[in-house]
Structure formats: C-alpha cells, structure tokens
C-alpha cells in the first residue's frame, strides 16, 4: 500500500501576502487578469496553495471554483510545493518500454512517497513526466537540472545519496 502524499502546511508570510495584494491591485481592473495574477502568485509562493487561490477569488470577487478550475486546467500551475530536489521520472513511450515504471516504483519505495508527493523534510518531491527528449538515454530521470539515463532500479539509492 502506498503512503499518502505528505500534506505540507501552508506557511505564507506577510511579505508574500503584501506582494500578492500589490499584484492583484495592479491587474484586477484588466480583462483576463486571472492568468497573470496566478502566474505572479506562483512566482511569489512557488506553488498555488488553496489559501492563495481563495484569497485571489475573494479579491477578484469571483467563485473559488473558477480559480481552481484555471489552476487545475493548466499544467504550468502547481498545487503542491516542490522539494529542494525535485525528482521527475520520464514515463514517455521510449522510457516506459525500457523500464521507467520500475524506476518510479523504486523511487516511491526509497522516498516513501507516491507520484506527486513530497517528503516530510521537503527535500524531495517525486513526479512523473512525459518525454523530455532524451529517448536515446531511456529510461531517464531528472533531479533538478541533473539528467540521469540508462537507469536500472538498483541505481536509485546511489543517485539519491548524492542529494541527501
């Protein structure tokens, strides 16, 4: 059984809230302002927690469901924070055929989190991704900007050790 995703308590600061309010004030009277506000909010917080989405909805006098709908529709928006070391496993066709599903399983086991999760210490987040264009190195994963290819599950512990 997979461990449920670690829930990270929202810890926004007064400075972040002031920056968000300034962004909202600068855009709220413009048509189509929701997208740029959400983009700037994600820049401020690193992701878009429910509390931030609700704040935006109230400030724009629109339903929270409208904000949530936009956030969940576009892949650019993150609902959860990323770890200090974001791990992304390619599950594109070439990587999957070469065993990336087994790589993902091993990482879930070693990190103790499911796909989409973040470790309790906020060090690692784990996400599946589609083709990253390194098919010749399949299966491939990235940790931050570092790319690892021609992987086997037995290599995962050593790779993660570099980031602990």
N, C-alpha and C. Protein backbone atom coordinates (compact mmCIF):
# COMPACT_ATOMS: atom_id res chain seq x y z
N UNK A 1 0.83 -1.19 0.00
CA UNK A 1 0.00 0.00 0.00
C UNK A 1 0.87 1.24 0.00
N UNK A 2 0.53 2.20 -0.83
CA UNK A 2 1.31 3.42 -0.93
C UNK A 2 0.97 4.37 0.20
N UNK A 3 2.02 5.02 0.69
CA UNK A 3 1.85 6.05 1.71
C UNK A 3 1.18 7.26 1.08
N UNK A 4 0.19 7.86 1.74
CA UNK A 4 -0.45 9.04 1.16
C UNK A 4 0.54 10.19 1.04
N UNK A 5 0.27 11.10 0.10
CA UNK A 5 1.12 12.25 -0.10
C UNK A 5 1.20 13.07 1.18
N UNK A 6 2.41 13.50 1.50
CA UNK A 6 2.60 14.33 2.67
C UNK A 6 1.90 15.67 2.46
N UNK A 7 1.09 16.06 3.41
CA UNK A 7 0.43 17.35 3.34
C UNK A 7 1.35 18.38 3.98
N UNK A 8 1.62 19.42 3.26
CA UNK A 8 2.50 20.47 3.75
C UNK A 8 1.63 21.63 4.20
N UNK A 9 1.80 22.02 5.44
CA UNK A 9 1.04 23.15 5.96
C UNK A 9 1.48 24.43 5.25
N UNK A 10 0.52 25.24 4.86
CA UNK A 10 0.82 26.50 4.18
C UNK A 10 1.46 27.45 5.17
N UNK A 11 2.58 28.04 4.75
CA UNK A 11 3.31 28.96 5.62
C UNK A 11 3.63 30.26 4.89
N UNK A 12 2.61 30.94 4.44
CA UNK A 12 2.83 32.22 3.77
C UNK A 12 3.25 33.29 4.76
N UNK A 13 4.03 34.25 4.25
CA UNK A 13 4.49 35.35 5.10
C UNK A 13 3.69 36.62 4.81
N UNK A 14 3.81 37.59 5.69
CA UNK A 14 3.15 38.89 5.47
C UNK A 14 3.72 39.57 4.23
N UNK A 15 5.03 39.39 3.99
CA UNK A 15 5.66 39.98 2.81
C UNK A 15 5.08 39.38 1.53
N UNK A 16 4.89 38.06 1.53
CA UNK A 16 4.30 37.41 0.36
C UNK A 16 2.88 37.90 0.13
N UNK A 17 2.11 38.01 1.19
CA UNK A 17 0.73 38.48 1.06
C UNK A 17 0.68 39.91 0.54
N UNK A 18 1.58 40.75 1.02
CA UNK A 18 1.64 42.13 0.54
C UNK A 18 2.01 42.16 -0.94
N UNK A 19 2.93 41.31 -1.35
CA UNK A 19 3.32 41.25 -2.76
C UNK A 19 2.15 40.76 -3.61
N UNK A 20 1.42 39.77 -3.12
CA UNK A 20 0.26 39.26 -3.85
C UNK A 20 -0.81 40.34 -3.97
N UNK A 21 -1.08 41.03 -2.89
CA UNK A 21 -2.09 42.09 -2.92
C UNK A 21 -1.70 43.20 -3.90
N UNK A 22 -0.41 43.50 -3.99
CA UNK A 22 0.05 44.51 -4.94
C UNK A 22 -0.18 44.03 -6.38
N UNK A 23 0.07 42.76 -6.65
CA UNK A 23 -0.16 42.19 -7.97
C UNK A 23 -1.64 42.25 -8.31
N UNK A 24 -2.48 41.85 -7.36
CA UNK A 24 -3.93 41.88 -7.60
C UNK A 24 -4.40 43.30 -7.88
N UNK A 25 -3.93 44.25 -7.07
CA UNK A 25 -4.33 45.65 -7.26
C UNK A 25 -3.90 46.17 -8.64
N UNK A 26 -2.73 45.74 -9.10
CA UNK A 26 -2.22 46.21 -10.39
C UNK A 26 -2.97 45.63 -11.58
N UNK A 27 -3.60 44.46 -11.39
CA UNK A 27 -4.23 43.77 -12.52
C UNK A 27 -5.75 43.65 -12.46
N UNK A 28 -6.34 43.84 -11.30
CA UNK A 28 -7.74 43.45 -11.12
C UNK A 28 -8.75 44.14 -12.02
N UNK A 29 -8.42 45.31 -12.52
CA UNK A 29 -9.36 46.02 -13.39
C UNK A 29 -9.14 45.72 -14.87
N UNK A 30 -8.23 44.82 -15.17
CA UNK A 30 -7.95 44.46 -16.57
C UNK A 30 -8.72 43.21 -16.94
N UNK A 31 -9.21 43.16 -18.17
CA UNK A 31 -9.88 41.95 -18.66
C UNK A 31 -8.86 40.82 -18.71
N UNK A 32 -9.28 39.63 -18.33
CA UNK A 32 -8.39 38.47 -18.38
C UNK A 32 -7.27 38.50 -17.35
N UNK A 33 -7.54 39.15 -16.22
CA UNK A 33 -6.48 39.35 -15.23
C UNK A 33 -6.13 38.09 -14.43
N UNK A 34 -6.99 37.09 -14.44
CA UNK A 34 -6.75 35.93 -13.58
C UNK A 34 -5.44 35.22 -13.90
N UNK A 35 -5.16 34.97 -15.17
CA UNK A 35 -3.94 34.25 -15.55
C UNK A 35 -2.68 34.98 -15.08
N UNK A 36 -2.49 36.26 -15.38
CA UNK A 36 -1.27 36.91 -14.91
C UNK A 36 -1.18 36.97 -13.39
N UNK A 37 -2.31 37.11 -12.72
CA UNK A 37 -2.28 37.12 -11.25
C UNK A 37 -1.84 35.76 -10.73
N UNK A 38 -2.38 34.69 -11.30
CA UNK A 38 -1.99 33.35 -10.86
C UNK A 38 -0.50 33.09 -11.15
N UNK A 39 -0.04 33.53 -12.30
CA UNK A 39 1.38 33.34 -12.63
C UNK A 39 2.28 34.07 -11.65
N UNK A 40 1.93 35.30 -11.34
CA UNK A 40 2.73 36.07 -10.37
C UNK A 40 2.61 35.48 -8.97
N UNK A 41 1.41 34.99 -8.61
CA UNK A 41 1.23 34.36 -7.30
C UNK A 41 2.12 33.14 -7.17
N UNK A 42 2.20 32.36 -8.25
CA UNK A 42 3.07 31.18 -8.19
C UNK A 42 4.54 31.60 -8.09
N UNK A 43 4.92 32.69 -8.74
CA UNK A 43 6.28 33.20 -8.59
C UNK A 43 6.55 33.58 -7.13
N UNK A 44 5.57 34.16 -6.48
CA UNK A 44 5.72 34.61 -5.10
C UNK A 44 5.82 33.43 -4.14
N UNK A 45 4.94 32.44 -4.28
CA UNK A 45 4.84 31.34 -3.33
C UNK A 45 5.55 30.06 -3.77
N UNK A 46 5.83 29.93 -5.05
CA UNK A 46 6.45 28.71 -5.56
C UNK A 46 5.43 27.66 -5.98
N UNK A 47 4.19 27.84 -5.59
CA UNK A 47 3.06 26.99 -5.95
C UNK A 47 1.80 27.74 -5.59
N UNK A 48 0.63 27.13 -5.84
CA UNK A 48 -0.63 27.83 -5.57
C UNK A 48 -1.48 27.05 -4.57
N UNK A 49 -1.17 27.21 -3.29
CA UNK A 49 -1.97 26.51 -2.28
C UNK A 49 -3.40 27.03 -2.25
N UNK A 50 -4.28 26.24 -1.68
CA UNK A 50 -5.69 26.60 -1.62
C UNK A 50 -5.89 27.98 -0.99
N UNK A 51 -5.14 28.28 0.04
CA UNK A 51 -5.30 29.57 0.73
C UNK A 51 -5.05 30.74 -0.21
N UNK A 52 -4.06 30.61 -1.07
CA UNK A 52 -3.74 31.67 -2.02
C UNK A 52 -4.83 31.76 -3.08
N UNK A 53 -5.31 30.62 -3.57
CA UNK A 53 -6.39 30.62 -4.56
C UNK A 53 -7.64 31.29 -3.99
N UNK A 54 -7.97 30.97 -2.75
CA UNK A 54 -9.16 31.57 -2.12
C UNK A 54 -8.98 33.08 -1.93
N UNK A 55 -7.79 33.49 -1.57
CA UNK A 55 -7.51 34.92 -1.40
C UNK A 55 -7.72 35.65 -2.73
N UNK A 56 -7.23 35.08 -3.80
CA UNK A 56 -7.38 35.67 -5.13
C UNK A 56 -8.86 35.73 -5.51
N UNK A 57 -9.58 34.64 -5.28
CA UNK A 57 -11.01 34.61 -5.61
C UNK A 57 -11.77 35.71 -4.87
N UNK A 58 -11.50 35.85 -3.58
CA UNK A 58 -12.17 36.90 -2.80
C UNK A 58 -11.81 38.29 -3.30
N UNK A 59 -10.52 38.50 -3.58
CA UNK A 59 -10.08 39.82 -4.03
C UNK A 59 -10.66 40.20 -5.39
N UNK A 60 -10.89 39.20 -6.24
CA UNK A 60 -11.45 39.47 -7.57
C UNK A 60 -12.97 39.34 -7.60
N UNK A 61 -13.54 38.93 -6.48
CA UNK A 61 -14.98 38.72 -6.37
C UNK A 61 -15.48 37.73 -7.43
N UNK A 62 -14.76 36.60 -7.51
CA UNK A 62 -15.17 35.50 -8.39
C UNK A 62 -15.23 34.22 -7.58
N UNK A 63 -15.96 33.23 -8.03
CA UNK A 63 -16.04 31.98 -7.26
C UNK A 63 -14.68 31.28 -7.18
N UNK A 64 -14.42 30.69 -6.04
CA UNK A 64 -13.20 29.90 -5.86
C UNK A 64 -13.12 28.81 -6.92
N UNK A 65 -14.25 28.22 -7.29
CA UNK A 65 -14.26 27.15 -8.29
C UNK A 65 -13.70 27.63 -9.63
N UNK A 66 -13.88 28.90 -9.96
CA UNK A 66 -13.33 29.43 -11.21
C UNK A 66 -11.81 29.49 -11.14
N UNK A 67 -11.30 29.94 -10.01
CA UNK A 67 -9.84 30.00 -9.82
C UNK A 67 -9.27 28.59 -9.85
N UNK A 68 -9.87 27.69 -9.09
CA UNK A 68 -9.40 26.31 -9.02
C UNK A 68 -9.46 25.64 -10.39
N UNK A 69 -10.50 25.93 -11.14
CA UNK A 69 -10.64 25.37 -12.48
C UNK A 69 -9.50 25.78 -13.40
N UNK A 70 -9.10 27.03 -13.33
CA UNK A 70 -7.99 27.52 -14.16
C UNK A 70 -6.68 26.89 -13.69
N UNK A 71 -6.48 26.86 -12.38
CA UNK A 71 -5.24 26.31 -11.83
C UNK A 71 -5.08 24.84 -12.21
N UNK A 72 -6.15 24.08 -12.15
CA UNK A 72 -6.04 22.65 -12.45
C UNK A 72 -6.07 22.35 -13.94
N UNK A 73 -6.50 23.29 -14.76
CA UNK A 73 -6.53 23.07 -16.21
C UNK A 73 -5.14 23.22 -16.82
N UNK A 74 -4.38 24.19 -16.38
CA UNK A 74 -3.08 24.49 -16.97
C UNK A 74 -1.95 23.79 -16.22
N UNK A 75 -1.13 23.07 -16.98
CA UNK A 75 -0.03 22.29 -16.39
C UNK A 75 1.04 23.17 -15.74
N UNK A 76 1.09 24.44 -16.11
CA UNK A 76 2.11 25.33 -15.54
C UNK A 76 1.91 25.61 -14.06
N UNK A 77 0.68 25.40 -13.58
CA UNK A 77 0.40 25.72 -12.19
C UNK A 77 0.59 24.50 -11.29
N UNK A 78 1.19 24.74 -10.14
CA UNK A 78 1.48 23.68 -9.19
C UNK A 78 0.57 23.80 -7.97
N UNK A 79 -0.06 22.69 -7.59
CA UNK A 79 -0.91 22.67 -6.40
C UNK A 79 -0.12 22.32 -5.15
N UNK A 80 1.04 21.74 -5.34
CA UNK A 80 1.87 21.32 -4.22
C UNK A 80 3.27 21.88 -4.39
N UNK A 81 3.95 22.14 -3.29
CA UNK A 81 5.32 22.65 -3.41
C UNK A 81 6.24 21.57 -3.97
N UNK A 82 7.33 21.99 -4.53
CA UNK A 82 8.35 21.07 -4.99
C UNK A 82 9.43 20.98 -3.92
N UNK A 83 10.05 19.82 -3.84
CA UNK A 83 11.13 19.64 -2.88
C UNK A 83 12.37 20.42 -3.29
N UNK A 84 13.30 20.51 -2.39
CA UNK A 84 14.58 21.13 -2.70
C UNK A 84 15.21 20.44 -3.91
N UNK A 85 14.98 19.13 -3.98
CA UNK A 85 15.47 18.32 -5.09
C UNK A 85 14.28 17.66 -5.78
N UNK A 86 13.69 18.33 -6.78
CA UNK A 86 12.55 17.73 -7.48
C UNK A 86 13.00 16.59 -8.40
N UNK A 87 12.43 15.42 -8.20
CA UNK A 87 12.75 14.24 -9.00
C UNK A 87 11.62 14.04 -10.00
N UNK A 88 11.97 13.95 -11.28
CA UNK A 88 10.98 13.74 -12.33
C UNK A 88 11.40 12.52 -13.15
N UNK A 89 10.52 11.53 -13.21
CA UNK A 89 10.78 10.30 -13.96
C UNK A 89 10.01 10.36 -15.26
N UNK A 90 10.73 10.19 -16.38
CA UNK A 90 10.07 10.20 -17.68
C UNK A 90 9.30 8.91 -17.86
N UNK A 91 8.01 9.04 -18.13
CA UNK A 91 7.16 7.89 -18.43
C UNK A 91 6.69 7.92 -19.88
N UNK A 92 7.43 8.65 -20.73
CA UNK A 92 7.15 8.66 -22.15
C UNK A 92 7.35 7.26 -22.71
N UNK A 93 6.92 7.04 -23.93
CA UNK A 93 6.91 5.69 -24.51
C UNK A 93 8.28 5.01 -24.47
N UNK A 94 9.32 5.67 -24.98
CA UNK A 94 10.64 5.03 -25.02
C UNK A 94 11.13 4.68 -23.62
N UNK A 95 10.97 5.60 -22.69
CA UNK A 95 11.42 5.34 -21.32
C UNK A 95 10.59 4.24 -20.65
N UNK A 96 9.29 4.29 -20.89
CA UNK A 96 8.42 3.29 -20.26
C UNK A 96 8.74 1.89 -20.77
N UNK A 97 8.94 1.77 -22.06
CA UNK A 97 9.28 0.47 -22.64
C UNK A 97 10.60 -0.06 -22.07
N UNK A 98 11.50 0.85 -21.74
CA UNK A 98 12.81 0.46 -21.20
C UNK A 98 12.82 0.34 -19.68
N UNK A 99 11.66 0.50 -19.01
CA UNK A 99 11.58 0.21 -17.59
C UNK A 99 11.42 1.37 -16.64
N UNK A 100 11.00 2.53 -17.12
CA UNK A 100 10.86 3.68 -16.22
C UNK A 100 9.77 3.46 -15.16
N UNK A 101 8.79 2.60 -15.45
CA UNK A 101 7.78 2.29 -14.43
C UNK A 101 8.42 1.63 -13.22
N UNK A 102 9.41 0.79 -13.45
CA UNK A 102 10.13 0.14 -12.34
C UNK A 102 11.00 1.15 -11.59
N UNK A 103 11.53 2.12 -12.33
CA UNK A 103 12.31 3.20 -11.69
C UNK A 103 11.40 4.00 -10.76
N UNK A 104 10.21 4.34 -11.25
CA UNK A 104 9.25 5.09 -10.43
C UNK A 104 8.89 4.29 -9.19
N UNK A 105 8.60 3.01 -9.35
CA UNK A 105 8.26 2.16 -8.19
C UNK A 105 9.38 2.17 -7.15
N UNK A 106 10.62 2.06 -7.61
CA UNK A 106 11.77 2.04 -6.69
C UNK A 106 11.91 3.37 -5.96
N UNK A 107 11.73 4.47 -6.68
CA UNK A 107 11.83 5.78 -6.05
C UNK A 107 10.71 6.01 -5.03
N UNK A 108 9.50 5.57 -5.36
CA UNK A 108 8.40 5.67 -4.40
C UNK A 108 8.74 4.92 -3.12
N UNK A 109 9.33 3.75 -3.29
CA UNK A 109 9.72 2.93 -2.13
C UNK A 109 10.83 3.62 -1.32
N UNK A 110 11.88 4.08 -1.99
CA UNK A 110 13.01 4.69 -1.29
C UNK A 110 12.66 6.01 -0.62
N UNK A 111 11.85 6.82 -1.29
CA UNK A 111 11.48 8.13 -0.74
C UNK A 111 10.29 8.06 0.21
N UNK A 112 9.52 6.97 0.11
CA UNK A 112 8.35 6.82 0.97
C UNK A 112 7.20 7.72 0.59
N UNK A 113 7.15 8.12 -0.69
CA UNK A 113 6.08 8.99 -1.18
C UNK A 113 5.58 8.48 -2.53
N UNK A 114 4.33 8.78 -2.86
CA UNK A 114 3.82 8.40 -4.18
C UNK A 114 4.16 9.47 -5.22
N UNK A 115 3.89 9.15 -6.46
CA UNK A 115 3.99 10.11 -7.54
C UNK A 115 3.15 11.34 -7.15
N UNK A 116 3.74 12.52 -7.25
CA UNK A 116 3.06 13.75 -6.86
C UNK A 116 3.31 14.14 -5.42
N UNK A 117 4.05 13.33 -4.68
CA UNK A 117 4.28 13.59 -3.26
C UNK A 117 5.55 14.37 -2.99
N UNK A 118 5.69 14.72 -1.72
CA UNK A 118 6.88 15.43 -1.24
C UNK A 118 7.25 14.83 0.11
N UNK A 119 8.54 14.66 0.35
CA UNK A 119 8.98 14.06 1.60
C UNK A 119 8.69 15.00 2.77
N UNK A 120 8.56 14.45 3.95
CA UNK A 120 8.23 15.25 5.13
C UNK A 120 9.24 16.35 5.40
N UNK A 121 10.52 16.09 5.07
CA UNK A 121 11.55 17.10 5.29
C UNK A 121 11.63 18.12 4.14
N UNK A 122 10.74 17.98 3.15
CA UNK A 122 10.64 18.86 1.99
C UNK A 122 11.88 18.81 1.08
N UNK A 123 12.69 17.77 1.27
CA UNK A 123 13.91 17.64 0.47
C UNK A 123 13.64 17.13 -0.94
N UNK A 124 12.74 16.15 -1.07
CA UNK A 124 12.47 15.54 -2.36
C UNK A 124 10.98 15.59 -2.69
N UNK A 125 10.69 15.91 -3.95
CA UNK A 125 9.34 15.72 -4.49
C UNK A 125 9.51 14.76 -5.66
N UNK A 126 8.44 14.02 -5.95
CA UNK A 126 8.52 12.99 -6.99
C UNK A 126 7.36 13.18 -7.96
N UNK A 127 7.68 13.28 -9.23
CA UNK A 127 6.65 13.46 -10.25
C UNK A 127 6.98 12.66 -11.50
N UNK A 128 5.93 12.15 -12.13
CA UNK A 128 6.06 11.53 -13.44
C UNK A 128 6.02 12.66 -14.46
N UNK A 129 6.75 12.50 -15.54
CA UNK A 129 6.71 13.47 -16.61
C UNK A 129 6.63 12.72 -17.93
N UNK A 130 6.29 13.41 -18.96
CA UNK A 130 6.27 12.82 -20.29
C UNK A 130 7.62 13.10 -20.94
N UNK A 131 7.77 12.73 -22.16
CA UNK A 131 9.04 12.77 -22.87
C UNK A 131 9.82 14.06 -22.61
N UNK A 132 11.09 13.89 -22.24
CA UNK A 132 11.95 15.05 -22.04
C UNK A 132 12.95 15.19 -23.18
N UNK A 133 12.81 14.35 -24.20
CA UNK A 133 13.65 14.46 -25.38
C UNK A 133 15.01 13.80 -25.26
N UNK A 134 15.15 12.88 -24.34
CA UNK A 134 16.41 12.15 -24.18
C UNK A 134 16.18 10.66 -24.39
N UNK A 135 15.42 10.34 -25.42
CA UNK A 135 15.00 8.95 -25.66
C UNK A 135 16.17 8.00 -25.84
N UNK A 136 17.27 8.48 -26.38
CA UNK A 136 18.45 7.64 -26.56
C UNK A 136 19.07 7.20 -25.25
N UNK A 137 18.71 7.87 -24.16
CA UNK A 137 19.23 7.52 -22.83
C UNK A 137 18.21 6.77 -21.99
N UNK A 138 17.11 6.38 -22.57
CA UNK A 138 15.99 5.77 -21.84
C UNK A 138 16.45 4.56 -21.03
N UNK A 139 15.84 4.41 -19.84
CA UNK A 139 14.94 5.32 -19.13
C UNK A 139 15.70 6.46 -18.46
N UNK A 140 15.02 7.59 -18.34
CA UNK A 140 15.64 8.83 -17.88
C UNK A 140 14.87 9.42 -16.70
N UNK A 141 15.62 10.07 -15.80
CA UNK A 141 15.01 10.89 -14.76
C UNK A 141 15.84 12.13 -14.60
N UNK A 142 15.22 13.16 -14.04
CA UNK A 142 15.95 14.37 -13.70
C UNK A 142 15.79 14.62 -12.21
N UNK A 143 16.83 15.19 -11.65
CA UNK A 143 16.77 15.71 -10.28
C UNK A 143 17.24 17.15 -10.40
N UNK A 144 16.29 18.06 -10.30
CA UNK A 144 16.59 19.45 -10.59
C UNK A 144 17.02 19.56 -12.04
N UNK A 145 18.21 20.08 -12.29
CA UNK A 145 18.73 20.23 -13.65
C UNK A 145 19.59 19.04 -14.09
N UNK A 146 19.86 18.12 -13.18
CA UNK A 146 20.70 16.96 -13.48
C UNK A 146 19.89 15.87 -14.18
N UNK A 147 20.45 15.32 -15.25
CA UNK A 147 19.79 14.28 -16.03
C UNK A 147 20.55 12.96 -15.84
N UNK A 148 19.79 11.91 -15.57
CA UNK A 148 20.35 10.56 -15.41
C UNK A 148 19.68 9.65 -16.42
N UNK A 149 20.49 8.87 -17.14
CA UNK A 149 19.93 7.99 -18.15
C UNK A 149 20.49 6.59 -18.09
N UNK A 150 19.87 5.71 -18.90
CA UNK A 150 20.21 4.29 -18.95
C UNK A 150 20.15 3.70 -17.54
N UNK A 151 19.03 3.95 -16.90
CA UNK A 151 18.86 3.61 -15.48
C UNK A 151 18.36 2.20 -15.26
N UNK A 152 18.66 1.71 -14.06
CA UNK A 152 18.11 0.48 -13.53
C UNK A 152 17.68 0.76 -12.10
N UNK A 153 16.65 0.07 -11.62
CA UNK A 153 16.18 0.33 -10.26
C UNK A 153 17.29 0.26 -9.21
N UNK A 154 18.25 -0.62 -9.39
CA UNK A 154 19.34 -0.78 -8.41
C UNK A 154 20.22 0.47 -8.30
N UNK A 155 20.14 1.38 -9.25
CA UNK A 155 20.96 2.60 -9.24
C UNK A 155 20.34 3.73 -8.42
N UNK A 156 19.07 3.61 -8.07
CA UNK A 156 18.35 4.73 -7.46
C UNK A 156 18.90 5.14 -6.11
N UNK A 157 19.25 4.19 -5.28
CA UNK A 157 19.74 4.52 -3.94
C UNK A 157 21.02 5.36 -4.03
N UNK A 158 21.94 4.98 -4.91
CA UNK A 158 23.18 5.73 -5.08
C UNK A 158 22.95 7.12 -5.63
N UNK A 159 22.03 7.24 -6.57
CA UNK A 159 21.73 8.55 -7.15
C UNK A 159 21.14 9.47 -6.08
N UNK A 160 20.16 8.98 -5.31
CA UNK A 160 19.54 9.81 -4.27
C UNK A 160 20.55 10.22 -3.19
N UNK A 161 21.50 9.35 -2.91
CA UNK A 161 22.50 9.62 -1.85
C UNK A 161 23.28 10.90 -2.16
N UNK A 162 23.46 11.23 -3.42
CA UNK A 162 24.18 12.44 -3.80
C UNK A 162 23.48 13.71 -3.32
N UNK A 163 22.18 13.62 -3.04
CA UNK A 163 21.37 14.80 -2.72
C UNK A 163 20.96 14.85 -1.24
N UNK A 164 21.36 13.88 -0.46
CA UNK A 164 20.94 13.86 0.94
C UNK A 164 21.86 14.66 1.84
